[in-house]
PDB file of N, CA and C in Angstrom:
ATOM      1  N   UNK A   1       0.851  -1.177   0.000  1.00  0.00           N
ATOM      2  CA  UNK A   1       0.000   0.000   0.000  1.00  0.00           C
ATOM      3  C   UNK A   1       0.900   1.245   0.000  1.00  0.00           C
ATOM      4  N   UNK A   2       0.606   2.214  -0.851  1.00  0.00           N
ATOM      5  CA  UNK A   2       1.413   3.429  -0.915  1.00  0.00           C
ATOM      6  C   UNK A   2       1.382   4.217   0.402  1.00  0.00           C
ATOM      7  N   UNK A   3       2.457   4.940   0.647  1.00  0.00           N
ATOM      8  CA  UNK A   3       2.606   5.709   1.883  1.00  0.00           C
ATOM      9  C   UNK A   3       1.433   6.656   2.110  1.00  0.00           C
ATOM     10  N   UNK A   4       1.017   7.355   1.074  1.00  0.00           N
ATOM     11  CA  UNK A   4      -0.077   8.318   1.225  1.00  0.00           C
ATOM     12  C   UNK A   4      -1.337   7.632   1.738  1.00  0.00           C
ATOM     13  N   UNK A   5      -1.666   6.475   1.211  1.00  0.00           N
ATOM     14  CA  UNK A   5      -2.858   5.746   1.661  1.00  0.00           C
ATOM     15  C   UNK A   5      -2.709   5.297   3.109  1.00  0.00           C
ATOM     16  N   UNK A   6      -1.513   4.831   3.475  1.00  0.00           N
ATOM     17  CA  UNK A   6      -1.274   4.426   4.870  1.00  0.00           C
ATOM     18  C   UNK A   6      -1.418   5.621   5.811  1.00  0.00           C
ATOM     19  N   UNK A   7      -0.899   6.768   5.406  1.00  0.00           N
ATOM     20  CA  UNK A   7      -0.992   7.972   6.244  1.00  0.00           C
ATOM     21  C   UNK A   7      -2.435   8.436   6.371  1.00  0.00           C
ATOM     22  N   UNK A   8      -3.187   8.396   5.279  1.00  0.00           N
ATOM     23  CA  UNK A   8      -4.605   8.759   5.350  1.00  0.00           C
ATOM     24  C   UNK A   8      -5.343   7.825   6.309  1.00  0.00           C
ATOM     25  N   UNK A   9      -5.035   6.532   6.248  1.00  0.00           N
ATOM     26  CA  UNK A   9      -5.647   5.574   7.163  1.00  0.00           C
ATOM     27  C   UNK A   9      -5.304   5.878   8.607  1.00  0.00           C
ATOM     28  N   UNK A  10      -4.031   6.192   8.860  1.00  0.00           N
ATOM     29  CA  UNK A  10      -3.596   6.523  10.217  1.00  0.00           C
ATOM     30  C   UNK A  10      -4.286   7.795  10.706  1.00  0.00           C
ATOM     31  N   UNK A  11      -4.340   8.809   9.863  1.00  0.00           N
ATOM     32  CA  UNK A  11      -4.982  10.060  10.264  1.00  0.00           C
ATOM     33  C   UNK A  11      -6.471   9.866  10.536  1.00  0.00           C
ATOM     34  N   UNK A  12      -7.112   8.980   9.789  1.00  0.00           N
ATOM     35  CA  UNK A  12      -8.515   8.664  10.058  1.00  0.00           C
ATOM     36  C   UNK A  12      -8.687   8.030  11.430  1.00  0.00           C
ATOM     37  N   UNK A  13      -7.773   7.104  11.771  1.00  0.00           N
ATOM     38  CA  UNK A  13      -7.831   6.474  13.103  1.00  0.00           C
ATOM     39  C   UNK A  13      -7.545   7.499  14.194  1.00  0.00           C
ATOM     40  N   UNK A  14      -6.588   8.389  13.940  1.00  0.00           N
ATOM     41  CA  UNK A  14      -6.255   9.415  14.924  1.00  0.00           C
ATOM     42  C   UNK A  14      -7.440  10.350  15.148  1.00  0.00           C
ATOM     43  N   UNK A  15      -8.131  10.698  14.083  1.00  0.00           N
ATOM     44  CA  UNK A  15      -9.317  11.547  14.209  1.00  0.00           C
ATOM     45  C   UNK A  15     -10.387  10.865  15.066  1.00  0.00           C
ATOM     46  N   UNK A  16     -10.593   9.569  14.859  1.00  0.00           N
ATOM     47  CA  UNK A  16     -11.557   8.820  15.675  1.00  0.00           C
ATOM     48  C   UNK A  16     -11.090   8.736  17.126  1.00  0.00           C
ATOM     49  N   UNK A  17      -9.781   8.582  17.330  1.00  0.00           N
ATOM     50  CA  UNK A  17      -9.227   8.535  18.685  1.00  0.00           C
ATOM     51  C   UNK A  17      -9.464   9.860  19.408  1.00  0.00           C
ATOM     52  N   UNK A  18      -9.246  10.960  18.722  1.00  0.00           N
ATOM     53  CA  UNK A  18      -9.485  12.280  19.319  1.00  0.00           C
ATOM     54  C   UNK A  18     -10.952  12.448  19.689  1.00  0.00           C
ATOM     55  N   UNK A  19     -11.839  11.933  18.855  1.00  0.00           N
ATOM     56  CA  UNK A  19     -13.270  11.992  19.148  1.00  0.00           C
ATOM     57  C   UNK A  19     -13.585  11.215  20.423  1.00  0.00           C
ATOM     58  N   UNK A  20     -12.973  10.036  20.579  1.00  0.00           N
ATOM     59  CA  UNK A  20     -13.184   9.238  21.793  1.00  0.00           C
ATOM     60  C   UNK A  20     -12.709   9.990  23.036  1.00  0.00           C
ATOM     61  N   UNK A  21     -11.539  10.601  22.952  1.00  0.00           N
ATOM     62  CA  UNK A  21     -10.990  11.340  24.095  1.00  0.00           C
ATOM     63  C   UNK A  21     -11.882  12.537  24.413  1.00  0.00           C
ATOM     64  N   UNK A  22     -12.234  13.310  23.395  1.00  0.00           N
ATOM     65  CA  UNK A  22     -13.060  14.501  23.606  1.00  0.00           C
ATOM     66  C   UNK A  22     -14.439  14.162  24.156  1.00  0.00           C
ATOM     67  N   UNK A  23     -14.943  12.969  23.844  1.00  0.00           N
ATOM     68  CA  UNK A  23     -16.260  12.534  24.337  1.00  0.00           C
ATOM     69  C   UNK A  23     -16.181  11.933  25.742  1.00  0.00           C
ATOM     70  N   UNK A  24     -14.973  11.883  26.321  1.00  0.00           N
ATOM     71  CA  UNK A  24     -14.817  11.337  27.672  1.00  0.00           C
ATOM     72  C   UNK A  24     -14.948   9.832  27.733  1.00  0.00           C
ATOM     73  N   UNK A  25     -14.566   9.137  26.654  1.00  0.00           N
ATOM     74  CA  UNK A  25     -14.722   7.684  26.599  1.00  0.00           C
ATOM     75  C   UNK A  25     -13.444   6.920  26.937  1.00  0.00           C
ATOM     76  N   UNK A  26     -12.432   7.617  27.451  1.00  0.00           N
ATOM     77  CA  UNK A  26     -11.171   6.972  27.830  1.00  0.00           C
ATOM     78  C   UNK A  26     -11.032   7.083  29.345  1.00  0.00           C
ATOM     79  N   UNK A  27     -10.911   5.929  30.022  1.00  0.00           N
ATOM     80  CA  UNK A  27     -10.904   5.902  31.481  1.00  0.00           C
ATOM     81  C   UNK A  27      -9.683   5.144  32.001  1.00  0.00           C
ATOM     82  N   UNK A  28      -8.796   5.835  32.732  1.00  0.00           N
ATOM     83  CA  UNK A  28      -7.647   5.139  33.322  1.00  0.00           C
ATOM     84  C   UNK A  28      -8.121   4.124  34.361  1.00  0.00           C
ATOM     85  N   UNK A  29      -7.399   3.022  34.469  1.00  0.00           N
ATOM     86  CA  UNK A  29      -7.700   2.008  35.477  1.00  0.00           C
ATOM     87  C   UNK A  29      -6.907   2.361  36.733  1.00  0.00           C
ATOM     88  N   UNK A  30      -7.593   2.498  37.843  1.00  0.00           N
ATOM     89  CA  UNK A  30      -6.977   2.890  39.105  1.00  0.00           C
ATOM     90  C   UNK A  30      -5.852   1.936  39.491  1.00  0.00           C
ATOM     91  N   UNK A  31      -4.693   2.491  39.791  1.00  0.00           N
ATOM     92  CA  UNK A  31      -3.551   1.688  40.213  1.00  0.00           C
ATOM     93  C   UNK A  31      -2.756   1.084  39.070  1.00  0.00           C
ATOM     94  N   UNK A  32      -3.203   1.306  37.841  1.00  0.00           N
ATOM     95  CA  UNK A  32      -2.496   0.771  36.662  1.00  0.00           C
ATOM     96  C   UNK A  32      -2.342   1.912  35.656  1.00  0.00           C
ATOM     97  N   UNK A  33      -1.270   2.698  35.788  1.00  0.00           N
ATOM     98  CA  UNK A  33      -1.135   3.916  34.989  1.00  0.00           C
ATOM     99  C   UNK A  33      -1.025   3.711  33.483  1.00  0.00           C
ATOM    100  N   UNK A  34      -0.786   2.501  33.036  1.00  0.00           N
ATOM    101  CA  UNK A  34      -0.655   2.232  31.607  1.00  0.00           C
ATOM    102  C   UNK A  34      -1.857   1.474  31.037  1.00  0.00           C
ATOM    103  N   UNK A  35      -2.908   1.307  31.843  1.00  0.00           N
ATOM    104  CA  UNK A  35      -4.077   0.527  31.420  1.00  0.00           C
ATOM    105  C   UNK A  35      -5.316   1.432  31.414  1.00  0.00           C
ATOM    106  N   UNK A  36      -6.106   1.296  30.349  1.00  0.00           N
ATOM    107  CA  UNK A  36      -7.287   2.130  30.160  1.00  0.00           C
ATOM    108  C   UNK A  36      -8.466   1.290  29.687  1.00  0.00           C
ATOM    109  N   UNK A  37      -9.651   1.717  30.077  1.00  0.00           N
ATOM    110  CA  UNK A  37     -10.880   1.187  29.497  1.00  0.00           C
ATOM    111  C   UNK A  37     -11.355   2.252  28.515  1.00  0.00           C
ATOM    112  N   UNK A  38     -11.543   1.846  27.269  1.00  0.00           N
ATOM    113  CA  UNK A  38     -11.985   2.775  26.231  1.00  0.00           C
ATOM    114  C   UNK A  38     -13.335   2.290  25.710  1.00  0.00           C
ATOM    115  N   UNK A  39     -14.329   3.154  25.829  1.00  0.00           N
ATOM    116  CA  UNK A  39     -15.663   2.816  25.340  1.00  0.00           C
ATOM    117  C   UNK A  39     -15.669   2.826  23.814  1.00  0.00           C
ATOM    118  N   UNK A  40     -16.529   2.008  23.240  1.00  0.00           N
ATOM    119  CA  UNK A  40     -16.655   2.015  21.781  1.00  0.00           C
ATOM    120  C   UNK A  40     -17.324   3.317  21.347  1.00  0.00           C
ATOM    121  N   UNK A  41     -17.103   3.702  20.108  1.00  0.00           N
ATOM    122  CA  UNK A  41     -17.712   4.935  19.596  1.00  0.00           C
ATOM    123  C   UNK A  41     -19.224   4.866  19.639  1.00  0.00           C
ATOM    124  N   UNK A  42     -19.756   3.696  19.361  1.00  0.00           N
ATOM    125  CA  UNK A  42     -21.208   3.534  19.310  1.00  0.00           C
ATOM    126  C   UNK A  42     -21.812   3.341  20.694  1.00  0.00           C
ATOM    127  N   UNK A  43     -20.972   3.151  21.711  1.00  0.00           N
ATOM    128  CA  UNK A  43     -21.457   2.958  23.067  1.00  0.00           C
ATOM    129  C   UNK A  43     -21.981   1.562  23.343  1.00  0.00           C
ATOM    130  N   UNK A  44     -21.631   0.594  22.496  1.00  0.00           N
ATOM    131  CA  UNK A  44     -22.137  -0.776  22.660  1.00  0.00           C
ATOM    132  C   UNK A  44     -21.167  -1.694  23.384  1.00  0.00           C
ATOM    133  N   UNK A  45     -20.060  -1.178  23.810  1.00  0.00           N
ATOM    134  CA  UNK A  45     -19.089  -2.017  24.493  1.00  0.00           C
ATOM    135  C   UNK A  45     -17.894  -1.201  24.933  1.00  0.00           C
ATOM    136  N   UNK A  46     -16.891  -1.901  25.413  1.00  0.00           N
ATOM    137  CA  UNK A  46     -15.666  -1.234  25.837  1.00  0.00           C
ATOM    138  C   UNK A  46     -14.493  -2.185  25.615  1.00  0.00           C
ATOM    139  N   UNK A  47     -13.307  -1.610  25.546  1.00  0.00           N
ATOM    140  CA  UNK A  47     -12.101  -2.390  25.279  1.00  0.00           C
ATOM    141  C   UNK A  47     -11.028  -2.027  26.292  1.00  0.00           C
ATOM    142  N   UNK A  48     -10.213  -3.006  26.617  1.00  0.00           N
ATOM    143  CA  UNK A  48      -9.120  -2.808  27.555  1.00  0.00           C
ATOM    144  C   UNK A  48      -7.841  -2.564  26.766  1.00  0.00           C
ATOM    145  N   UNK A  49      -7.219  -1.423  27.021  1.00  0.00           N
ATOM    146  CA  UNK A  49      -5.964  -1.060  26.364  1.00  0.00           C
ATOM    147  C   UNK A  49      -4.857  -1.099  27.406  1.00  0.00           C
ATOM    148  N   UNK A  50      -3.791  -1.825  27.106  1.00  0.00           N
ATOM    149  CA  UNK A  50      -2.619  -1.893  27.980  1.00  0.00           C
ATOM    150  C   UNK A  50      -1.430  -1.364  27.184  1.00  0.00           C
ATOM    151  N   UNK A  51      -1.000  -0.152  27.516  1.00  0.00           N
ATOM    152  CA  UNK A  51       0.086   0.468  26.761  1.00  0.00           C
ATOM    153  C   UNK A  51       1.419  -0.228  26.999  1.00  0.00           C
ATOM    154  N   UNK A  52       1.630  -0.737  28.204  1.00  0.00           N
ATOM    155  CA  UNK A  52       2.883  -1.442  28.492  1.00  0.00           C
ATOM    156  C   UNK A  52       2.977  -2.733  27.677  1.00  0.00           C
ATOM    157  N   UNK A  53       1.877  -3.462  27.597  1.00  0.00           N
ATOM    158  CA  UNK A  53       1.848  -4.712  26.830  1.00  0.00           C
ATOM    159  C   UNK A  53       1.608  -4.457  25.339  1.00  0.00           C
ATOM    160  N   UNK A  54       1.326  -3.191  24.993  1.00  0.00           N
ATOM    161  CA  UNK A  54       1.021  -2.816  23.611  1.00  0.00           C
ATOM    162  C   UNK A  54      -0.107  -3.679  23.048  1.00  0.00           C
ATOM    163  N   UNK A  55      -1.270  -3.607  23.737  1.00  0.00           N
ATOM    164  CA  UNK A  55      -2.389  -4.446  23.320  1.00  0.00           C
ATOM    165  C   UNK A  55      -3.728  -3.750  23.539  1.00  0.00           C
ATOM    166  N   UNK A  56      -4.715  -4.240  22.803  1.00  0.00           N
ATOM    167  CA  UNK A  56      -6.099  -3.803  22.946  1.00  0.00           C
ATOM    168  C   UNK A  56      -6.972  -5.031  22.712  1.00  0.00           C
ATOM    169  N   UNK A  57      -8.122  -5.068  23.371  1.00  0.00           N
ATOM    170  CA  UNK A  57      -9.011  -6.219  23.224  1.00  0.00           C
ATOM    171  C   UNK A  57     -10.030  -6.049  22.095  1.00  0.00           C
ATOM    172  N   UNK A  58      -9.927  -4.973  21.313  1.00  0.00           N
ATOM    173  CA  UNK A  58     -10.889  -4.762  20.222  1.00  0.00           C
ATOM    174  C   UNK A  58     -10.645  -5.748  19.082  1.00  0.00           C
ATOM    175  N   UNK A  59     -11.674  -6.003  18.268  1.00  0.00           N
ATOM    176  CA  UNK A  59     -11.522  -6.941  17.147  1.00  0.00           C
ATOM    177  C   UNK A  59     -10.460  -6.512  16.133  1.00  0.00           C
ATOM    178  N   UNK A  60     -10.337  -5.219  15.886  1.00  0.00           N
ATOM    179  CA  UNK A  60      -9.338  -4.748  14.912  1.00  0.00           C
ATOM    180  C   UNK A  60      -7.930  -5.123  15.360  1.00  0.00           C
ATOM    181  N   UNK A  61      -7.660  -4.973  16.655  1.00  0.00           N
ATOM    182  CA  UNK A  61      -6.326  -5.301  17.172  1.00  0.00           C
ATOM    183  C   UNK A  61      -6.113  -6.809  17.219  1.00  0.00           C
ATOM    184  N   UNK A  62      -7.081  -7.531  17.771  1.00  0.00           N
ATOM    185  CA  UNK A  62      -6.888  -8.973  17.957  1.00  0.00           C
ATOM    186  C   UNK A  62      -6.822  -9.724  16.635  1.00  0.00           C
ATOM    187  N   UNK A  63      -7.437  -9.168  15.584  1.00  0.00           N
ATOM    188  CA  UNK A  63      -7.348  -9.814  14.274  1.00  0.00           C
ATOM    189  C   UNK A  63      -6.014  -9.524  13.593  1.00  0.00           C
ATOM    190  N   UNK A  64      -5.299  -8.536  14.113  1.00  0.00           N
ATOM    191  CA  UNK A  64      -4.010  -8.173  13.531  1.00  0.00           C
ATOM    192  C   UNK A  64      -4.121  -7.295  12.300  1.00  0.00           C
ATOM    193  N   UNK A  65      -5.334  -6.875  11.959  1.00  0.00           N
ATOM    194  CA  UNK A  65      -5.535  -6.079  10.744  1.00  0.00           C
ATOM    195  C   UNK A  65      -5.164  -4.611  10.928  1.00  0.00           C
ATOM    196  N   UNK A  66      -5.445  -4.073  12.089  1.00  0.00           N
ATOM    197  CA  UNK A  66      -5.266  -2.641  12.296  1.00  0.00           C
ATOM    198  C   UNK A  66      -4.436  -2.379  13.540  1.00  0.00           C
ATOM    199  N   UNK A  67      -3.220  -1.967  13.336  1.00  0.00           N
ATOM    200  CA  UNK A  67      -2.361  -1.619  14.465  1.00  0.00           C
ATOM    201  C   UNK A  67      -1.586  -0.369  14.132  1.00  0.00           C
ATOM    202  N   UNK A  68      -1.611   0.634  14.970  1.00  0.00           N
ATOM    203  CA  UNK A  68      -2.384   0.707  16.206  1.00  0.00           C
ATOM    204  C   UNK A  68      -3.860   0.961  15.903  1.00  0.00           C
ATOM    205  N   UNK A  69      -4.709   0.530  16.810  1.00  0.00           N
ATOM    206  CA  UNK A  69      -6.143   0.770  16.660  1.00  0.00           C
ATOM    207  C   UNK A  69      -6.489   2.140  17.257  1.00  0.00           C
ATOM    208  N   UNK A  70      -7.701   2.601  16.987  1.00  0.00           N
ATOM    209  CA  UNK A  70      -8.127   3.910  17.497  1.00  0.00           C
ATOM    210  C   UNK A  70      -8.200   3.933  19.020  1.00  0.00           C
ATOM    211  N   UNK A  71      -8.449   2.785  19.645  1.00  0.00           N
ATOM    212  CA  UNK A  71      -8.551   2.743  21.104  1.00  0.00           C
ATOM    213  C   UNK A  71      -7.184   2.942  21.752  1.00  0.00           C
ATOM    214  N   UNK A  72      -6.164   2.293  21.204  1.00  0.00           N
ATOM    215  CA  UNK A  72      -4.808   2.471  21.715  1.00  0.00           C
ATOM    216  C   UNK A  72      -4.352   3.913  21.480  1.00  0.00           C
ATOM    217  N   UNK A  73      -4.642   4.449  20.312  1.00  0.00           N
ATOM    218  CA  UNK A  73      -4.296   5.846  20.039  1.00  0.00           C
ATOM    219  C   UNK A  73      -5.014   6.783  21.006  1.00  0.00           C
ATOM    220  N   UNK A  74      -6.273   6.494  21.320  1.00  0.00           N
ATOM    221  CA  UNK A  74      -7.030   7.329  22.258  1.00  0.00           C
ATOM    222  C   UNK A  74      -6.387   7.312  23.640  1.00  0.00           C
ATOM    223  N   UNK A  75      -5.909   6.157  24.081  1.00  0.00           N
ATOM    224  CA  UNK A  75      -5.237   6.071  25.382  1.00  0.00           C
ATOM    225  C   UNK A  75      -3.955   6.897  25.380  1.00  0.00           C
ATOM    226  N   UNK A  76      -3.200   6.840  24.295  1.00  0.00           N
ATOM    227  CA  UNK A  76      -1.963   7.623  24.190  1.00  0.00           C
ATOM    228  C   UNK A  76      -2.275   9.121  24.184  1.00  0.00           C
ATOM    229  N   UNK A  77      -3.293   9.528  23.435  1.00  0.00           N
ATOM    230  CA  UNK A  77      -3.684  10.940  23.405  1.00  0.00           C
ATOM    231  C   UNK A  77      -4.113  11.390  24.796  1.00  0.00           C
ATOM    232  N   UNK A  78      -4.880  10.556  25.488  1.00  0.00           N
ATOM    233  CA  UNK A  78      -5.317  10.884  26.847  1.00  0.00           C
ATOM    234  C   UNK A  78      -4.104  11.111  27.751  1.00  0.00           C
ATOM    235  N   UNK A  79      -3.132  10.208  27.708  1.00  0.00           N
ATOM    236  CA  UNK A  79      -1.913  10.355  28.511  1.00  0.00           C
ATOM    237  C   UNK A  79      -1.161  11.620  28.133  1.00  0.00           C
ATOM    238  N   UNK A  80      -1.034  11.889  26.856  1.00  0.00           N
ATOM    239  CA  UNK A  80      -0.316  13.062  26.385  1.00  0.00           C
ATOM    240  C   UNK A  80      -0.986  14.336  26.882  1.00  0.00           C
ATOM    241  N   UNK A  81      -2.302  14.380  26.770  1.00  0.00           N
ATOM    242  CA  UNK A  81      -3.028  15.566  27.241  1.00  0.00           C
ATOM    243  C   UNK A  81      -2.892  15.737  28.747  1.00  0.00           C
ATOM    244  N   UNK A  82      -2.920  14.641  29.480  1.00  0.00           N
ATOM    245  CA  UNK A  82      -2.728  14.717  30.930  1.00  0.00           C
ATOM    246  C   UNK A  82      -1.351  15.293  31.244  1.00  0.00           C
ATOM    247  N   UNK A  83      -0.336  14.869  30.530  1.00  0.00           N
ATOM    248  CA  UNK A  83       1.021  15.382  30.718  1.00  0.00           C
ATOM    249  C   UNK A  83       1.120  16.854  30.384  1.00  0.00           C
ATOM    250  N   UNK A  84       0.448  17.282  29.321  1.00  0.00           N
ATOM    251  CA  UNK A  84       0.442  18.689  28.949  1.00  0.00           C
ATOM    252  C   UNK A  84      -0.194  19.517  30.066  1.00  0.00           C
ATOM    253  N   UNK A  85      -1.279  19.019  30.636  1.00  0.00           N
ATOM    254  CA  UNK A  85      -1.961  19.722  31.716  1.00  0.00           C
ATOM    255  C   UNK A  85      -1.089  19.862  32.942  1.00  0.00           C
ATOM    256  N   UNK A  86      -0.344  18.820  33.265  1.00  0.00           N
ATOM    257  CA  UNK A  86       0.544  18.875  34.427  1.00  0.00           C
ATOM    258  C   UNK A  86       1.651  19.898  34.220  1.00  0.00           C
ATOM    259  N   UNK A  87       2.171  19.981  32.999  1.00  0.00           N
ATOM    260  CA  UNK A  87       3.222  20.966  32.731  1.00  0.00           C
ATOM    261  C   UNK A  87       2.682  22.380  32.863  1.00  0.00           C
ATOM    262  N   UNK A  88       1.451  22.601  32.410  1.00  0.00           N
ATOM    263  CA  UNK A  88       0.853  23.929  32.511  1.00  0.00           C
ATOM    264  C   UNK A  88       0.595  24.295  33.966  1.00  0.00           C
ATOM    265  N   UNK A  89       0.179  23.329  34.784  1.00  0.00           N
ATOM    266  CA  UNK A  89      -0.072  23.585  36.195  1.00  0.00           C
ATOM    267  C   UNK A  89       1.222  23.847  36.948  1.00  0.00           C
ATOM    268  N   UNK A  90       2.304  23.205  36.534  1.00  0.00           N
ATOM    269  CA  UNK A  90       3.575  23.338  37.237  1.00  0.00           C
ATOM    270  C   UNK A  90       4.146  24.747  37.117  1.00  0.00           C
ATOM    271  N   UNK A  91       3.879  25.403  36.013  1.00  0.00           N
ATOM    272  CA  UNK A  91       4.425  26.740  35.786  1.00  0.00           C
ATOM    273  C   UNK A  91       3.317  27.678  35.315  1.00  0.00           C
ATOM    274  N   UNK A  92       2.507  28.162  36.228  1.00  0.00           N
ATOM    275  CA  UNK A  92       1.427  29.059  35.813  1.00  0.00           C
ATOM    276  C   UNK A  92       1.991  30.280  35.087  1.00  0.00           C
ATOM    277  N   UNK A  93       1.348  30.636  34.003  1.00  0.00           N
ATOM    278  CA  UNK A  93       1.774  31.807  33.254  1.00  0.00           C
ATOM    279  C   UNK A  93       2.847  31.542  32.220  1.00  0.00           C
ATOM    280  N   UNK A  94       3.485  30.379  32.274  1.00  0.00           N
ATOM    281  CA  UNK A  94       4.503  30.030  31.285  1.00  0.00           C
ATOM    282  C   UNK A  94       3.926  29.040  30.300  1.00  0.00           C
ATOM    283  N   UNK A  95       4.334  29.154  29.079  1.00  0.00           N
ATOM    284  CA  UNK A  95       3.873  28.234  28.043  1.00  0.00           C
ATOM    285  C   UNK A  95       4.784  27.011  28.026  1.00  0.00           C
ATOM    286  N   UNK A  96       4.214  25.791  28.128  1.00  0.00           N
ATOM    287  CA  UNK A  96       5.058  24.587  28.120  1.00  0.00           C
ATOM    288  C   UNK A  96       5.710  24.370  26.760  1.00  0.00           C
ATOM    289  N   UNK A  97       6.884  23.803  26.784  1.00  0.00           N
ATOM    290  CA  UNK A  97       7.601  23.471  25.554  1.00  0.00           C
ATOM    291  C   UNK A  97       7.460  21.988  25.318  1.00  0.00           C
ATOM    292  N   UNK A  98       6.999  21.624  24.134  1.00  0.00           N
ATOM    293  CA  UNK A  98       6.797  20.201  23.824  1.00  0.00           C
ATOM    294  C   UNK A  98       8.076  19.572  23.350  1.00  0.00           C
TER     295      UNK A  98
END
């Protein structure tokens, strides 16, 4: 598959991941900082994402067809946003450098 098509596919998954995060469908598991429960977009189920094990319980991931899946990307975006928030809180009035 050409690079452009692969990138379009990735960006589509990233867009869906951002939608999941913005909708509040990504939930950290208490006591397990690398594990998240991510609700499905349609609200018909949920999937367990383990960033340390690099896994998701969704059909796309378990079939091996789509990696990374939108659920794993959503967990990473959630973590990234949490980190950005902590940097902003640590230095009020200063803009964080990524």
